[in-house]
Amino acid sequence: MEATEQNKSKVVVIDSLQSWEFHVNQASNQNCPIVVHFTASWCMPSVAMTPFFEELASSYPDVLFLVVDVDEVKEVATRMDIKAMPTFLMLKEGAPLEKVVGANPEEIKKRIDGFVESIRVSLA
C-alpha cells in the first residue's frame, strides 16, 4: 500500500478560482515555477496529454504542475486568456511567460526545459 501512495499524481487539480489563487500565490511566494495544463473533458487531444503531463510533473519535482478544466473553472481560463485546448502555460510569480497551444509533447517538454533552466539561472 505504501508504494502506491508514493506514486500518486504530482499534478494538482484546480477546481475553483480560490484554489487557483491559493496555489499560484503559494508558489509565487516560494519562487516556484508553475506549469498549467488547460484541458476539457470533451477535447480528446487534451485528454490524451494527461499521462504525458503527469510524467512531466514527476520529472520536475521543484515545479508546481496544475491542471484546469476550462468548463469547470471558466474564470481562470478567461483570466489567462485561454482560447483553445490543450494549452500549456508556464508562470513565474503568477505571470505567464510561455504558452504552448496544442498537443505537441516534444515542444512542450523543450519549452518547459528552457523555462525551468531560465528560472534556475535567475535564482542562482
PDB file of N, CA and C in Angstrom:
ATOM      1  N   MET A   1       0.814  -1.205   0.000  1.00  0.00           N
ATOM      2  CA  MET A   1       0.000   0.000   0.000  1.00  0.00           C
ATOM      3  C   MET A   1       0.856   1.267   0.000  1.00  0.00           C
ATOM      4  N   GLU A   2       1.918   1.277   0.783  1.00  0.00           N
ATOM      5  CA  GLU A   2       2.792   2.450   0.880  1.00  0.00           C
ATOM      6  C   GLU A   2       3.302   2.881  -0.497  1.00  0.00           C
ATOM      7  N   ALA A   3       3.799   1.930  -1.286  1.00  0.00           N
ATOM      8  CA  ALA A   3       4.390   2.253  -2.589  1.00  0.00           C
ATOM      9  C   ALA A   3       3.388   2.945  -3.503  1.00  0.00           C
ATOM     10  N   THR A   4       2.141   2.490  -3.477  1.00  0.00           N
ATOM     11  CA  THR A   4       1.118   3.103  -4.316  1.00  0.00           C
ATOM     12  C   THR A   4       0.910   4.557  -3.914  1.00  0.00           C
ATOM     13  N   GLU A   5       0.960   4.809  -2.634  1.00  0.00           N
ATOM     14  CA  GLU A   5       0.774   6.168  -2.127  1.00  0.00           C
ATOM     15  C   GLU A   5       1.830   7.114  -2.693  1.00  0.00           C
ATOM     16  N   GLN A   6       3.066   6.640  -2.800  1.00  0.00           N
ATOM     17  CA  GLN A   6       4.150   7.482  -3.294  1.00  0.00           C
ATOM     18  C   GLN A   6       4.036   7.749  -4.790  1.00  0.00           C
ATOM     19  N   ASN A   7       3.371   6.890  -5.520  1.00  0.00           N
ATOM     20  CA  ASN A   7       3.226   7.075  -6.961  1.00  0.00           C
ATOM     21  C   ASN A   7       2.023   7.948  -7.316  1.00  0.00           C
ATOM     22  N   LYS A   8       1.433   8.555  -6.312  1.00  0.00           N
ATOM     23  CA  LYS A   8       0.284   9.413  -6.551  1.00  0.00           C
ATOM     24  C   LYS A   8       0.666  10.572  -7.471  1.00  0.00           C
ATOM     25  N   SER A   9      -0.288  11.054  -8.220  1.00  0.00           N
ATOM     26  CA  SER A   9      -0.035  12.139  -9.158  1.00  0.00           C
ATOM     27  C   SER A   9       0.519  13.365  -8.439  1.00  0.00           C
ATOM     28  N   LYS A  10       1.482  13.997  -9.090  1.00  0.00           N
ATOM     29  CA  LYS A  10       2.056  15.234  -8.564  1.00  0.00           C
ATOM     30  C   LYS A  10       1.352  16.446  -9.171  1.00  0.00           C
ATOM     31  N   VAL A  11       0.323  16.192  -9.963  1.00  0.00           N
ATOM     32  CA  VAL A  11      -0.426  17.263 -10.613  1.00  0.00           C
ATOM     33  C   VAL A  11      -1.593  17.657  -9.709  1.00  0.00           C
ATOM     34  N   VAL A  12      -1.721  18.954  -9.448  1.00  0.00           N
ATOM     35  CA  VAL A  12      -2.805  19.453  -8.602  1.00  0.00           C
ATOM     36  C   VAL A  12      -3.976  19.864  -9.497  1.00  0.00           C
ATOM     37  N   VAL A  13      -5.154  19.321  -9.199  1.00  0.00           N
ATOM     38  CA  VAL A  13      -6.356  19.670  -9.958  1.00  0.00           C
ATOM     39  C   VAL A  13      -6.969  20.926  -9.345  1.00  0.00           C
ATOM     40  N   ILE A  14      -7.140  21.947 -10.174  1.00  0.00           N
ATOM     41  CA  ILE A  14      -7.751  23.203  -9.734  1.00  0.00           C
ATOM     42  C   ILE A  14      -9.252  23.095  -9.964  1.00  0.00           C
ATOM     43  N   ASP A  15     -10.025  23.302  -8.897  1.00  0.00           N
ATOM     44  CA  ASP A  15     -11.478  23.132  -9.037  1.00  0.00           C
ATOM     45  C   ASP A  15     -12.259  24.415  -8.765  1.00  0.00           C
ATOM     46  N   SER A  16     -11.542  25.515  -8.500  1.00  0.00           N
ATOM     47  CA  SER A  16     -12.223  26.793  -8.262  1.00  0.00           C
ATOM     48  C   SER A  16     -11.228  27.936  -8.439  1.00  0.00           C
ATOM     49  N   LEU A  17     -11.755  29.133  -8.577  1.00  0.00           N
ATOM     50  CA  LEU A  17     -10.901  30.315  -8.663  1.00  0.00           C
ATOM     51  C   LEU A  17     -10.086  30.461  -7.379  1.00  0.00           C
ATOM     52  N   GLN A  18     -10.692  30.120  -6.246  1.00  0.00           N
ATOM     53  CA  GLN A  18      -9.998  30.218  -4.957  1.00  0.00           C
ATOM     54  C   GLN A  18      -8.811  29.262  -4.895  1.00  0.00           C
ATOM     55  N   SER A  19      -8.984  28.030  -5.379  1.00  0.00           N
ATOM     56  CA  SER A  19      -7.870  27.082  -5.322  1.00  0.00           C
ATOM     57  C   SER A  19      -6.769  27.528  -6.288  1.00  0.00           C
ATOM     58  N   TRP A  20      -7.134  28.112  -7.434  1.00  0.00           N
ATOM     59  CA  TRP A  20      -6.148  28.662  -8.374  1.00  0.00           C
ATOM     60  C   TRP A  20      -5.319  29.744  -7.667  1.00  0.00           C
ATOM     61  N   GLU A  21      -6.006  30.712  -7.067  1.00  0.00           N
ATOM     62  CA  GLU A  21      -5.301  31.819  -6.403  1.00  0.00           C
ATOM     63  C   GLU A  21      -4.422  31.320  -5.264  1.00  0.00           C
ATOM     64  N   PHE A  22      -4.915  30.370  -4.496  1.00  0.00           N
ATOM     65  CA  PHE A  22      -4.143  29.817  -3.383  1.00  0.00           C
ATOM     66  C   PHE A  22      -2.842  29.197  -3.884  1.00  0.00           C
ATOM     67  N   HIS A  23      -2.936  28.298  -4.870  1.00  0.00           N
ATOM     68  CA  HIS A  23      -1.743  27.588  -5.356  1.00  0.00           C
ATOM     69  C   HIS A  23      -0.772  28.517  -6.074  1.00  0.00           C
ATOM     70  N   VAL A  24      -1.301  29.444  -6.878  1.00  0.00           N
ATOM     71  CA  VAL A  24      -0.427  30.375  -7.598  1.00  0.00           C
ATOM     72  C   VAL A  24       0.280  31.302  -6.606  1.00  0.00           C
ATOM     73  N   ASN A  25      -0.442  31.811  -5.612  1.00  0.00           N
ATOM     74  CA  ASN A  25       0.171  32.695  -4.608  1.00  0.00           C
ATOM     75  C   ASN A  25       1.222  31.958  -3.797  1.00  0.00           C
ATOM     76  N   GLN A  26       0.897  30.741  -3.378  1.00  0.00           N
ATOM     77  CA  GLN A  26       1.833  29.951  -2.574  1.00  0.00           C
ATOM     78  C   GLN A  26       3.118  29.682  -3.369  1.00  0.00           C
ATOM     79  N   ALA A  27       2.974  29.287  -4.628  1.00  0.00           N
ATOM     80  CA  ALA A  27       4.141  29.004  -5.471  1.00  0.00           C
ATOM     81  C   ALA A  27       4.953  30.277  -5.718  1.00  0.00           C
ATOM     82  N   SER A  28       4.260  31.377  -5.952  1.00  0.00           N
ATOM     83  CA  SER A  28       4.949  32.648  -6.197  1.00  0.00           C
ATOM     84  C   SER A  28       5.763  33.077  -4.979  1.00  0.00           C
ATOM     85  N   ASN A  29       5.197  32.911  -3.801  1.00  0.00           N
ATOM     86  CA  ASN A  29       5.898  33.272  -2.566  1.00  0.00           C
ATOM     87  C   ASN A  29       7.150  32.437  -2.359  1.00  0.00           C
ATOM     88  N   GLN A  30       7.177  31.241  -2.926  1.00  0.00           N
ATOM     89  CA  GLN A  30       8.324  30.334  -2.769  1.00  0.00           C
ATOM     90  C   GLN A  30       9.214  30.329  -4.011  1.00  0.00           C
ATOM     91  N   ASN A  31       9.003  31.298  -4.921  1.00  0.00           N
ATOM     92  CA  ASN A  31       9.755  31.349  -6.189  1.00  0.00           C
ATOM     93  C   ASN A  31       9.686  30.033  -6.953  1.00  0.00           C
ATOM     94  N   CYS A  32       8.550  29.369  -6.859  1.00  0.00           N
ATOM     95  CA  CYS A  32       8.369  28.071  -7.512  1.00  0.00           C
ATOM     96  C   CYS A  32       7.701  28.292  -8.874  1.00  0.00           C
ATOM     97  N   PRO A  33       8.337  27.829  -9.961  1.00  0.00           N
ATOM     98  CA  PRO A  33       7.698  27.951 -11.275  1.00  0.00           C
ATOM     99  C   PRO A  33       6.454  27.074 -11.363  1.00  0.00           C
ATOM    100  N   ILE A  34       5.529  27.478 -12.230  1.00  0.00           N
ATOM    101  CA  ILE A  34       4.255  26.765 -12.379  1.00  0.00           C
ATOM    102  C   ILE A  34       4.050  26.419 -13.850  1.00  0.00           C
ATOM    103  N   VAL A  35       3.593  25.192 -14.090  1.00  0.00           N
ATOM    104  CA  VAL A  35       3.181  24.781 -15.434  1.00  0.00           C
ATOM    105  C   VAL A  35       1.721  24.359 -15.336  1.00  0.00           C
ATOM    106  N   VAL A  36       0.885  24.927 -16.200  1.00  0.00           N
ATOM    107  CA  VAL A  36      -0.555  24.661 -16.151  1.00  0.00           C
ATOM    108  C   VAL A  36      -1.012  24.016 -17.455  1.00  0.00           C
ATOM    109  N   HIS A  37      -1.808  22.954 -17.316  1.00  0.00           N
ATOM    110  CA  HIS A  37      -2.442  22.290 -18.469  1.00  0.00           C
ATOM    111  C   HIS A  37      -3.913  22.687 -18.448  1.00  0.00           C
ATOM    112  N   PHE A  38      -4.330  23.498 -19.428  1.00  0.00           N
ATOM    113  CA  PHE A  38      -5.744  23.847 -19.570  1.00  0.00           C
ATOM    114  C   PHE A  38      -6.360  22.804 -20.483  1.00  0.00           C
ATOM    115  N   THR A  39      -7.388  22.143 -19.988  1.00  0.00           N
ATOM    116  CA  THR A  39      -7.959  20.993 -20.681  1.00  0.00           C
ATOM    117  C   THR A  39      -9.485  21.067 -20.675  1.00  0.00           C
ATOM    118  N   ALA A  40     -10.103  20.103 -21.354  1.00  0.00           N
ATOM    119  CA  ALA A  40     -11.564  19.952 -21.328  1.00  0.00           C
ATOM    120  C   ALA A  40     -11.860  18.470 -21.545  1.00  0.00           C
ATOM    121  N   SER A  41     -12.836  17.960 -20.836  1.00  0.00           N
ATOM    122  CA  SER A  41     -13.139  16.525 -20.904  1.00  0.00           C
ATOM    123  C   SER A  41     -13.571  16.088 -22.301  1.00  0.00           C
ATOM    124  N   TRP A  42     -14.127  16.990 -23.089  1.00  0.00           N
ATOM    125  CA  TRP A  42     -14.610  16.660 -24.435  1.00  0.00           C
ATOM    126  C   TRP A  42     -13.513  16.782 -25.499  1.00  0.00           C
ATOM    127  N   CYS A  43     -12.343  17.282 -25.110  1.00  0.00           N
ATOM    128  CA  CYS A  43     -11.256  17.505 -26.065  1.00  0.00           C
ATOM    129  C   CYS A  43     -10.275  16.335 -26.013  1.00  0.00           C
ATOM    130  N   MET A  44     -10.357  15.447 -27.000  1.00  0.00           N
ATOM    131  CA  MET A  44      -9.529  14.242 -26.983  1.00  0.00           C
ATOM    132  C   MET A  44      -8.021  14.528 -26.961  1.00  0.00           C
ATOM    133  N   PRO A  45      -7.506  15.501 -27.729  1.00  0.00           N
ATOM    134  CA  PRO A  45      -6.068  15.787 -27.619  1.00  0.00           C
ATOM    135  C   PRO A  45      -5.662  16.204 -26.200  1.00  0.00           C
ATOM    136  N   SER A  46      -6.525  16.951 -25.516  1.00  0.00           N
ATOM    137  CA  SER A  46      -6.256  17.353 -24.131  1.00  0.00           C
ATOM    138  C   SER A  46      -6.204  16.139 -23.215  1.00  0.00           C
ATOM    139  N   VAL A  47      -7.200  15.289 -23.349  1.00  0.00           N
ATOM    140  CA  VAL A  47      -7.285  14.085 -22.521  1.00  0.00           C
ATOM    141  C   VAL A  47      -6.062  13.200 -22.786  1.00  0.00           C
ATOM    142  N   ALA A  48      -5.666  13.101 -24.050  1.00  0.00           N
ATOM    143  CA  ALA A  48      -4.517  12.267 -24.417  1.00  0.00           C
ATOM    144  C   ALA A  48      -3.216  12.796 -23.816  1.00  0.00           C
ATOM    145  N   MET A  49      -3.139  14.092 -23.526  1.00  0.00           N
ATOM    146  CA  MET A  49      -1.917  14.687 -22.971  1.00  0.00           C
ATOM    147  C   MET A  49      -1.796  14.487 -21.459  1.00  0.00           C
ATOM    148  N   THR A  50      -2.850  14.036 -20.802  1.00  0.00           N
ATOM    149  CA  THR A  50      -2.832  13.901 -19.346  1.00  0.00           C
ATOM    150  C   THR A  50      -1.718  12.998 -18.828  1.00  0.00           C
ATOM    151  N   PRO A  51      -1.539  11.778 -19.360  1.00  0.00           N
ATOM    152  CA  PRO A  51      -0.451  10.931 -18.837  1.00  0.00           C
ATOM    153  C   PRO A  51       0.926  11.561 -19.062  1.00  0.00           C
ATOM    154  N   PHE A  52       1.116  12.220 -20.210  1.00  0.00           N
ATOM    155  CA  PHE A  52       2.380  12.897 -20.513  1.00  0.00           C
ATOM    156  C   PHE A  52       2.632  14.014 -19.497  1.00  0.00           C
ATOM    157  N   PHE A  53       1.583  14.773 -19.182  1.00  0.00           N
ATOM    158  CA  PHE A  53       1.704  15.883 -18.230  1.00  0.00           C
ATOM    159  C   PHE A  53       2.058  15.356 -16.841  1.00  0.00           C
ATOM    160  N   GLU A  54       1.452  14.233 -16.450  1.00  0.00           N
ATOM    161  CA  GLU A  54       1.764  13.638 -15.144  1.00  0.00           C
ATOM    162  C   GLU A  54       3.201  13.131 -15.108  1.00  0.00           C
ATOM    163  N   GLU A  55       3.666  12.610 -16.226  1.00  0.00           N
ATOM    164  CA  GLU A  55       5.056  12.151 -16.331  1.00  0.00           C
ATOM    165  C   GLU A  55       6.013  13.345 -16.178  1.00  0.00           C
ATOM    166  N   LEU A  56       5.685  14.450 -16.825  1.00  0.00           N
ATOM    167  CA  LEU A  56       6.493  15.667 -16.692  1.00  0.00           C
ATOM    168  C   LEU A  56       6.555  16.124 -15.237  1.00  0.00           C
ATOM    169  N   ALA A  57       5.416  16.069 -14.567  1.00  0.00           N
ATOM    170  CA  ALA A  57       5.356  16.506 -13.163  1.00  0.00           C
ATOM    171  C   ALA A  57       6.322  15.698 -12.305  1.00  0.00           C
ATOM    172  N   SER A  58       6.467  14.417 -12.604  1.00  0.00           N
ATOM    173  CA  SER A  58       7.391  13.572 -11.852  1.00  0.00           C
ATOM    174  C   SER A  58       8.844  13.917 -12.168  1.00  0.00           C
ATOM    175  N   SER A  59       9.087  14.428 -13.369  1.00  0.00           N
ATOM    176  CA  SER A  59      10.448  14.759 -13.801  1.00  0.00           C
ATOM    177  C   SER A  59      10.956  16.081 -13.230  1.00  0.00           C
ATOM    178  N   TYR A  60      10.044  16.945 -12.816  1.00  0.00           N
ATOM    179  CA  TYR A  60      10.420  18.269 -12.308  1.00  0.00           C
ATOM    180  C   TYR A  60       9.840  18.468 -10.908  1.00  0.00           C
ATOM    181  N   PRO A  61      10.491  17.903  -9.889  1.00  0.00           N
ATOM    182  CA  PRO A  61       9.934  17.983  -8.537  1.00  0.00           C
ATOM    183  C   PRO A  61       9.885  19.406  -7.966  1.00  0.00           C
ATOM    184  N   ASP A  62      10.687  20.326  -8.526  1.00  0.00           N
ATOM    185  CA  ASP A  62      10.710  21.694  -7.996  1.00  0.00           C
ATOM    186  C   ASP A  62       9.791  22.637  -8.766  1.00  0.00           C
ATOM    187  N   VAL A  63       8.872  22.058  -9.559  1.00  0.00           N
ATOM    188  CA  VAL A  63       7.908  22.846 -10.327  1.00  0.00           C
ATOM    189  C   VAL A  63       6.507  22.417  -9.907  1.00  0.00           C
ATOM    190  N   LEU A  64       5.601  23.385  -9.779  1.00  0.00           N
ATOM    191  CA  LEU A  64       4.205  23.079  -9.452  1.00  0.00           C
ATOM    192  C   LEU A  64       3.441  22.851 -10.758  1.00  0.00           C
ATOM    193  N   PHE A  65       2.820  21.689 -10.889  1.00  0.00           N
ATOM    194  CA  PHE A  65       2.024  21.358 -12.071  1.00  0.00           C
ATOM    195  C   PHE A  65       0.552  21.408 -11.698  1.00  0.00           C
ATOM    196  N   LEU A  66      -0.209  22.214 -12.448  1.00  0.00           N
ATOM    197  CA  LEU A  66      -1.638  22.377 -12.205  1.00  0.00           C
ATOM    198  C   LEU A  66      -2.403  21.955 -13.448  1.00  0.00           C
ATOM    199  N   VAL A  67      -3.608  21.440 -13.239  1.00  0.00           N
ATOM    200  CA  VAL A  67      -4.495  21.157 -14.367  1.00  0.00           C
ATOM    201  C   VAL A  67      -5.820  21.881 -14.113  1.00  0.00           C
ATOM    202  N   VAL A  68      -6.307  22.557 -15.173  1.00  0.00           N
ATOM    203  CA  VAL A  68      -7.547  23.330 -15.072  1.00  0.00           C
ATOM    204  C   VAL A  68      -8.481  22.872 -16.180  1.00  0.00           C
ATOM    205  N   ASP A  69      -9.661  22.391 -15.802  1.00  0.00           N
ATOM    206  CA  ASP A  69     -10.699  22.072 -16.781  1.00  0.00           C
ATOM    207  C   ASP A  69     -11.421  23.385 -17.090  1.00  0.00           C
ATOM    208  N   VAL A  70     -11.333  23.829 -18.336  1.00  0.00           N
ATOM    209  CA  VAL A  70     -11.863  25.154 -18.685  1.00  0.00           C
ATOM    210  C   VAL A  70     -13.376  25.255 -18.511  1.00  0.00           C
ATOM    211  N   ASP A  71     -14.069  24.128 -18.565  1.00  0.00           N
ATOM    212  CA  ASP A  71     -15.518  24.170 -18.371  1.00  0.00           C
ATOM    213  C   ASP A  71     -15.900  24.252 -16.898  1.00  0.00           C
ATOM    214  N   GLU A  72     -15.034  23.705 -16.042  1.00  0.00           N
ATOM    215  CA  GLU A  72     -15.327  23.714 -14.609  1.00  0.00           C
ATOM    216  C   GLU A  72     -14.850  24.996 -13.926  1.00  0.00           C
ATOM    217  N   VAL A  73     -13.787  25.591 -14.444  1.00  0.00           N
ATOM    218  CA  VAL A  73     -13.224  26.800 -13.811  1.00  0.00           C
ATOM    219  C   VAL A  73     -13.042  27.865 -14.901  1.00  0.00           C
ATOM    220  N   LYS A  74     -14.177  28.319 -15.433  1.00  0.00           N
ATOM    221  CA  LYS A  74     -14.173  29.290 -16.548  1.00  0.00           C
ATOM    222  C   LYS A  74     -13.436  30.579 -16.200  1.00  0.00           C
ATOM    223  N   GLU A  75     -13.543  31.016 -14.936  1.00  0.00           N
ATOM    224  CA  GLU A  75     -12.926  32.294 -14.534  1.00  0.00           C
ATOM    225  C   GLU A  75     -11.413  32.272 -14.766  1.00  0.00           C
ATOM    226  N   VAL A  76     -10.793  31.136 -14.456  1.00  0.00           N
ATOM    227  CA  VAL A  76      -9.334  31.028 -14.620  1.00  0.00           C
ATOM    228  C   VAL A  76      -8.981  31.025 -16.104  1.00  0.00           C
ATOM    229  N   ALA A  77      -9.727  30.267 -16.896  1.00  0.00           N
ATOM    230  CA  ALA A  77      -9.466  30.212 -18.342  1.00  0.00           C
ATOM    231  C   ALA A  77      -9.619  31.600 -18.961  1.00  0.00           C
ATOM    232  N   THR A  78     -10.639  32.338 -18.543  1.00  0.00           N
ATOM    233  CA  THR A  78     -10.860  33.693 -19.055  1.00  0.00           C
ATOM    234  C   THR A  78      -9.732  34.622 -18.618  1.00  0.00           C
ATOM    235  N   ARG A  79      -9.380  34.557 -17.359  1.00  0.00           N
ATOM    236  CA  ARG A  79      -8.322  35.415 -16.807  1.00  0.00           C
ATOM    237  C   ARG A  79      -6.979  35.182 -17.518  1.00  0.00           C
ATOM    238  N   MET A  80      -6.715  33.932 -17.862  1.00  0.00           N
ATOM    239  CA  MET A  80      -5.444  33.587 -18.509  1.00  0.00           C
ATOM    240  C   MET A  80      -5.541  33.632 -20.039  1.00  0.00           C
ATOM    241  N   ASP A  81      -6.707  34.070 -20.558  1.00  0.00           N
ATOM    242  CA  ASP A  81      -6.922  34.242 -21.992  1.00  0.00           C
ATOM    243  C   ASP A  81      -6.721  32.945 -22.779  1.00  0.00           C
ATOM    244  N   ILE A  82      -7.331  31.874 -22.287  1.00  0.00           N
ATOM    245  CA  ILE A  82      -7.228  30.566 -22.937  1.00  0.00           C
ATOM    246  C   ILE A  82      -8.340  30.443 -23.974  1.00  0.00           C
ATOM    247  N   LYS A  83      -7.933  30.199 -25.222  1.00  0.00           N
ATOM    248  CA  LYS A  83      -8.896  30.144 -26.322  1.00  0.00           C
ATOM    249  C   LYS A  83      -9.033  28.754 -26.935  1.00  0.00           C
ATOM    250  N   ALA A  84      -8.036  27.889 -26.711  1.00  0.00           N
ATOM    251  CA  ALA A  84      -8.056  26.556 -27.336  1.00  0.00           C
ATOM    252  C   ALA A  84      -7.481  25.543 -26.355  1.00  0.00           C
ATOM    253  N   MET A  85      -7.865  24.281 -26.545  1.00  0.00           N
ATOM    254  CA  MET A  85      -7.343  23.208 -25.713  1.00  0.00           C
ATOM    255  C   MET A  85      -6.612  22.210 -26.590  1.00  0.00           C
ATOM    256  N   PRO A  86      -5.580  21.578 -26.074  1.00  0.00           N
ATOM    257  CA  PRO A  86      -4.945  21.915 -24.797  1.00  0.00           C
ATOM    258  C   PRO A  86      -4.048  23.148 -24.936  1.00  0.00           C
ATOM    259  N   THR A  87      -3.952  23.905 -23.854  1.00  0.00           N
ATOM    260  CA  THR A  87      -2.986  24.998 -23.772  1.00  0.00           C
ATOM    261  C   THR A  87      -2.141  24.743 -22.543  1.00  0.00           C
ATOM    262  N   PHE A  88      -0.845  24.911 -22.694  1.00  0.00           N
ATOM    263  CA  PHE A  88       0.103  24.754 -21.593  1.00  0.00           C
ATOM    264  C   PHE A  88       0.717  26.111 -21.326  1.00  0.00           C
ATOM    265  N   LEU A  89       0.615  26.548 -20.077  1.00  0.00           N
ATOM    266  CA  LEU A  89       1.076  27.877 -19.696  1.00  0.00           C
ATOM    267  C   LEU A  89       2.146  27.734 -18.631  1.00  0.00           C
ATOM    268  N   MET A  90       3.231  28.477 -18.781  1.00  0.00           N
ATOM    269  CA  MET A  90       4.291  28.476 -17.774  1.00  0.00           C
ATOM    270  C   MET A  90       4.277  29.832 -17.081  1.00  0.00           C
ATOM    271  N   LEU A  91       4.157  29.797 -15.756  1.00  0.00           N
ATOM    272  CA  LEU A  91       4.040  31.026 -14.973  1.00  0.00           C
ATOM    273  C   LEU A  91       5.219  31.182 -14.024  1.00  0.00           C
ATOM    274  N   LYS A  92       5.651  32.427 -13.873  1.00  0.00           N
ATOM    275  CA  LYS A  92       6.632  32.751 -12.840  1.00  0.00           C
ATOM    276  C   LYS A  92       6.045  33.915 -12.064  1.00  0.00           C
ATOM    277  N   GLU A  93       5.973  33.757 -10.748  1.00  0.00           N
ATOM    278  CA  GLU A  93       5.378  34.782  -9.871  1.00  0.00           C
ATOM    279  C   GLU A  93       3.976  35.153 -10.347  1.00  0.00           C
ATOM    280  N   GLY A  94       3.236  34.161 -10.823  1.00  0.00           N
ATOM    281  CA  GLY A  94       1.848  34.357 -11.233  1.00  0.00           C
ATOM    282  C   GLY A  94       1.663  34.927 -12.624  1.00  0.00           C
ATOM    283  N   ALA A  95       2.771  35.322 -13.287  1.00  0.00           N
ATOM    284  CA  ALA A  95       2.672  35.925 -14.617  1.00  0.00           C
ATOM    285  C   ALA A  95       3.048  34.913 -15.701  1.00  0.00           C
ATOM    286  N   PRO A  96       2.245  34.845 -16.765  1.00  0.00           N
ATOM    287  CA  PRO A  96       2.552  33.910 -17.849  1.00  0.00           C
ATOM    288  C   PRO A  96       3.818  34.339 -18.600  1.00  0.00           C
ATOM    289  N   LEU A  97       4.751  33.397 -18.765  1.00  0.00           N
ATOM    290  CA  LEU A  97       5.986  33.671 -19.502  1.00  0.00           C
ATOM    291  C   LEU A  97       6.023  32.913 -20.820  1.00  0.00           C
ATOM    292  N   GLU A  98       5.421  31.730 -20.843  1.00  0.00           N
ATOM    293  CA  GLU A  98       5.435  30.881 -22.043  1.00  0.00           C
ATOM    294  C   GLU A  98       4.050  30.292 -22.233  1.00  0.00           C
ATOM    295  N   LYS A  99       3.698  30.065 -23.509  1.00  0.00           N
ATOM    296  CA  LYS A  99       2.409  29.436 -23.810  1.00  0.00           C
ATOM    297  C   LYS A  99       2.600  28.501 -24.992  1.00  0.00           C
ATOM    298  N   VAL A 100       2.112  27.270 -24.853  1.00  0.00           N
ATOM    299  CA  VAL A 100       2.130  26.310 -25.957  1.00  0.00           C
ATOM    300  C   VAL A 100       0.683  25.862 -26.176  1.00  0.00           C
ATOM    301  N   VAL A 101       0.185  26.072 -27.382  1.00  0.00           N
ATOM    302  CA  VAL A 101      -1.173  25.664 -27.714  1.00  0.00           C
ATOM    303  C   VAL A 101      -1.096  24.423 -28.598  1.00  0.00           C
ATOM    304  N   GLY A 102      -1.828  23.387 -28.193  1.00  0.00           N
ATOM    305  CA  GLY A 102      -1.868  22.160 -28.986  1.00  0.00           C
ATOM    306  C   GLY A 102      -1.150  21.013 -28.292  1.00  0.00           C
ATOM    307  N   ALA A 103      -1.440  19.805 -28.755  1.00  0.00           N
ATOM    308  CA  ALA A 103      -0.879  18.583 -28.164  1.00  0.00           C
ATOM    309  C   ALA A 103       0.431  18.243 -28.871  1.00  0.00           C
ATOM    310  N   ASN A 104       1.516  18.874 -28.447  1.00  0.00           N
ATOM    311  CA  ASN A 104       2.824  18.665 -29.057  1.00  0.00           C
ATOM    312  C   ASN A 104       3.833  18.354 -27.954  1.00  0.00           C
ATOM    313  N   PRO A 105       3.927  17.071 -27.559  1.00  0.00           N
ATOM    314  CA  PRO A 105       4.763  16.693 -26.409  1.00  0.00           C
ATOM    315  C   PRO A 105       6.217  17.154 -26.512  1.00  0.00           C
ATOM    316  N   GLU A 106       6.832  17.030 -27.702  1.00  0.00           N
ATOM    317  CA  GLU A 106       8.242  17.421 -27.834  1.00  0.00           C
ATOM    318  C   GLU A 106       8.418  18.910 -27.570  1.00  0.00           C
ATOM    319  N   GLU A 107       7.554  19.724 -28.165  1.00  0.00           N
ATOM    320  CA  GLU A 107       7.645  21.177 -27.995  1.00  0.00           C
ATOM    321  C   GLU A 107       7.380  21.567 -26.541  1.00  0.00           C
ATOM    322  N   ILE A 108       6.400  20.940 -25.917  1.00  0.00           N
ATOM    323  CA  ILE A 108       6.071  21.252 -24.525  1.00  0.00           C
ATOM    324  C   ILE A 108       7.260  20.930 -23.621  1.00  0.00           C
ATOM    325  N   LYS A 109       7.851  19.758 -23.809  1.00  0.00           N
ATOM    326  CA  LYS A 109       8.999  19.370 -22.986  1.00  0.00           C
ATOM    327  C   LYS A 109      10.167  20.328 -23.202  1.00  0.00           C
ATOM    328  N   LYS A 110      10.425  20.691 -24.459  1.00  0.00           N
ATOM    329  CA  LYS A 110      11.518  21.607 -24.784  1.00  0.00           C
ATOM    330  C   LYS A 110      11.293  22.969 -24.108  1.00  0.00           C
ATOM    331  N   ARG A 111      10.062  23.472 -24.177  1.00  0.00           N
ATOM    332  CA  ARG A 111       9.751  24.782 -23.604  1.00  0.00           C
ATOM    333  C   ARG A 111       9.833  24.741 -22.073  1.00  0.00           C
ATOM    334  N   ILE A 112       9.367  23.635 -21.470  1.00  0.00           N
ATOM    335  CA  ILE A 112       9.452  23.513 -20.009  1.00  0.00           C
ATOM    336  C   ILE A 112      10.918  23.434 -19.588  1.00  0.00           C
ATOM    337  N   ASP A 113      11.722  22.661 -20.320  1.00  0.00           N
ATOM    338  CA  ASP A 113      13.159  22.584 -20.018  1.00  0.00           C
ATOM    339  C   ASP A 113      13.778  23.979 -20.014  1.00  0.00           C
ATOM    340  N   GLY A 114      13.525  24.745 -21.071  1.00  0.00           N
ATOM    341  CA  GLY A 114      14.074  26.098 -21.180  1.00  0.00           C
ATOM    342  C   GLY A 114      13.559  27.008 -20.086  1.00  0.00           C
ATOM    343  N   PHE A 115      12.272  26.891 -19.789  1.00  0.00           N
ATOM    344  CA  PHE A 115      11.621  27.706 -18.754  1.00  0.00           C
ATOM    345  C   PHE A 115      12.242  27.433 -17.388  1.00  0.00           C
ATOM    346  N   VAL A 116      12.365  26.150 -17.043  1.00  0.00           N
ATOM    347  CA  VAL A 116      12.920  25.763 -15.737  1.00  0.00           C
ATOM    348  C   VAL A 116      14.381  26.189 -15.639  1.00  0.00           C
ATOM    349  N   GLU A 117      15.120  26.004 -16.722  1.00  0.00           N
ATOM    350  CA  GLU A 117      16.539  26.398 -16.742  1.00  0.00           C
ATOM    351  C   GLU A 117      16.699  27.900 -16.545  1.00  0.00           C
ATOM    352  N   SER A 118      15.850  28.698 -17.213  1.00  0.00           N
ATOM    353  CA  SER A 118      15.950  30.166 -17.078  1.00  0.00           C
ATOM    354  C   SER A 118      15.634  30.605 -15.656  1.00  0.00           C
ATOM    355  N   ILE A 119      14.724  29.907 -14.984  1.00  0.00           N
ATOM    356  CA  ILE A 119      14.391  30.254 -13.601  1.00  0.00           C
ATOM    357  C   ILE A 119      15.525  29.856 -12.660  1.00  0.00           C
ATOM    358  N   ARG A 120      16.119  28.690 -12.908  1.00  0.00           N
ATOM    359  CA  ARG A 120      17.257  28.272 -12.070  1.00  0.00           C
ATOM    360  C   ARG A 120      18.401  29.264 -12.184  1.00  0.00           C
ATOM    361  N   VAL A 121      18.652  29.745 -13.400  1.00  0.00           N
ATOM    362  CA  VAL A 121      19.731  30.720 -13.635  1.00  0.00           C
ATOM    363  C   VAL A 121      19.409  32.033 -12.915  1.00  0.00           C
ATOM    364  N   SER A 122      18.152  32.475 -12.989  1.00  0.00           N
ATOM    365  CA  SER A 122      17.802  33.753 -12.352  1.00  0.00           C
ATOM    366  C   SER A 122      17.815  33.663 -10.833  1.00  0.00           C
ATOM    367  N   LEU A 123      17.671  32.459 -10.277  1.00  0.00           N
ATOM    368  CA  LEU A 123      17.698  32.285  -8.822  1.00  0.00           C
ATOM    369  C   LEU A 123      19.135  32.112  -8.299  1.00  0.00           C
ATOM    370  N   ALA A 124      20.049  31.719  -9.187  1.00  0.00           N
ATOM    371  CA  ALA A 124      21.429  31.415  -8.767  1.00  0.00           C
ATOM    372  C   ALA A 124      22.193  32.673  -8.388  1.00  0.00           C
TER     373      ALA A 124
END
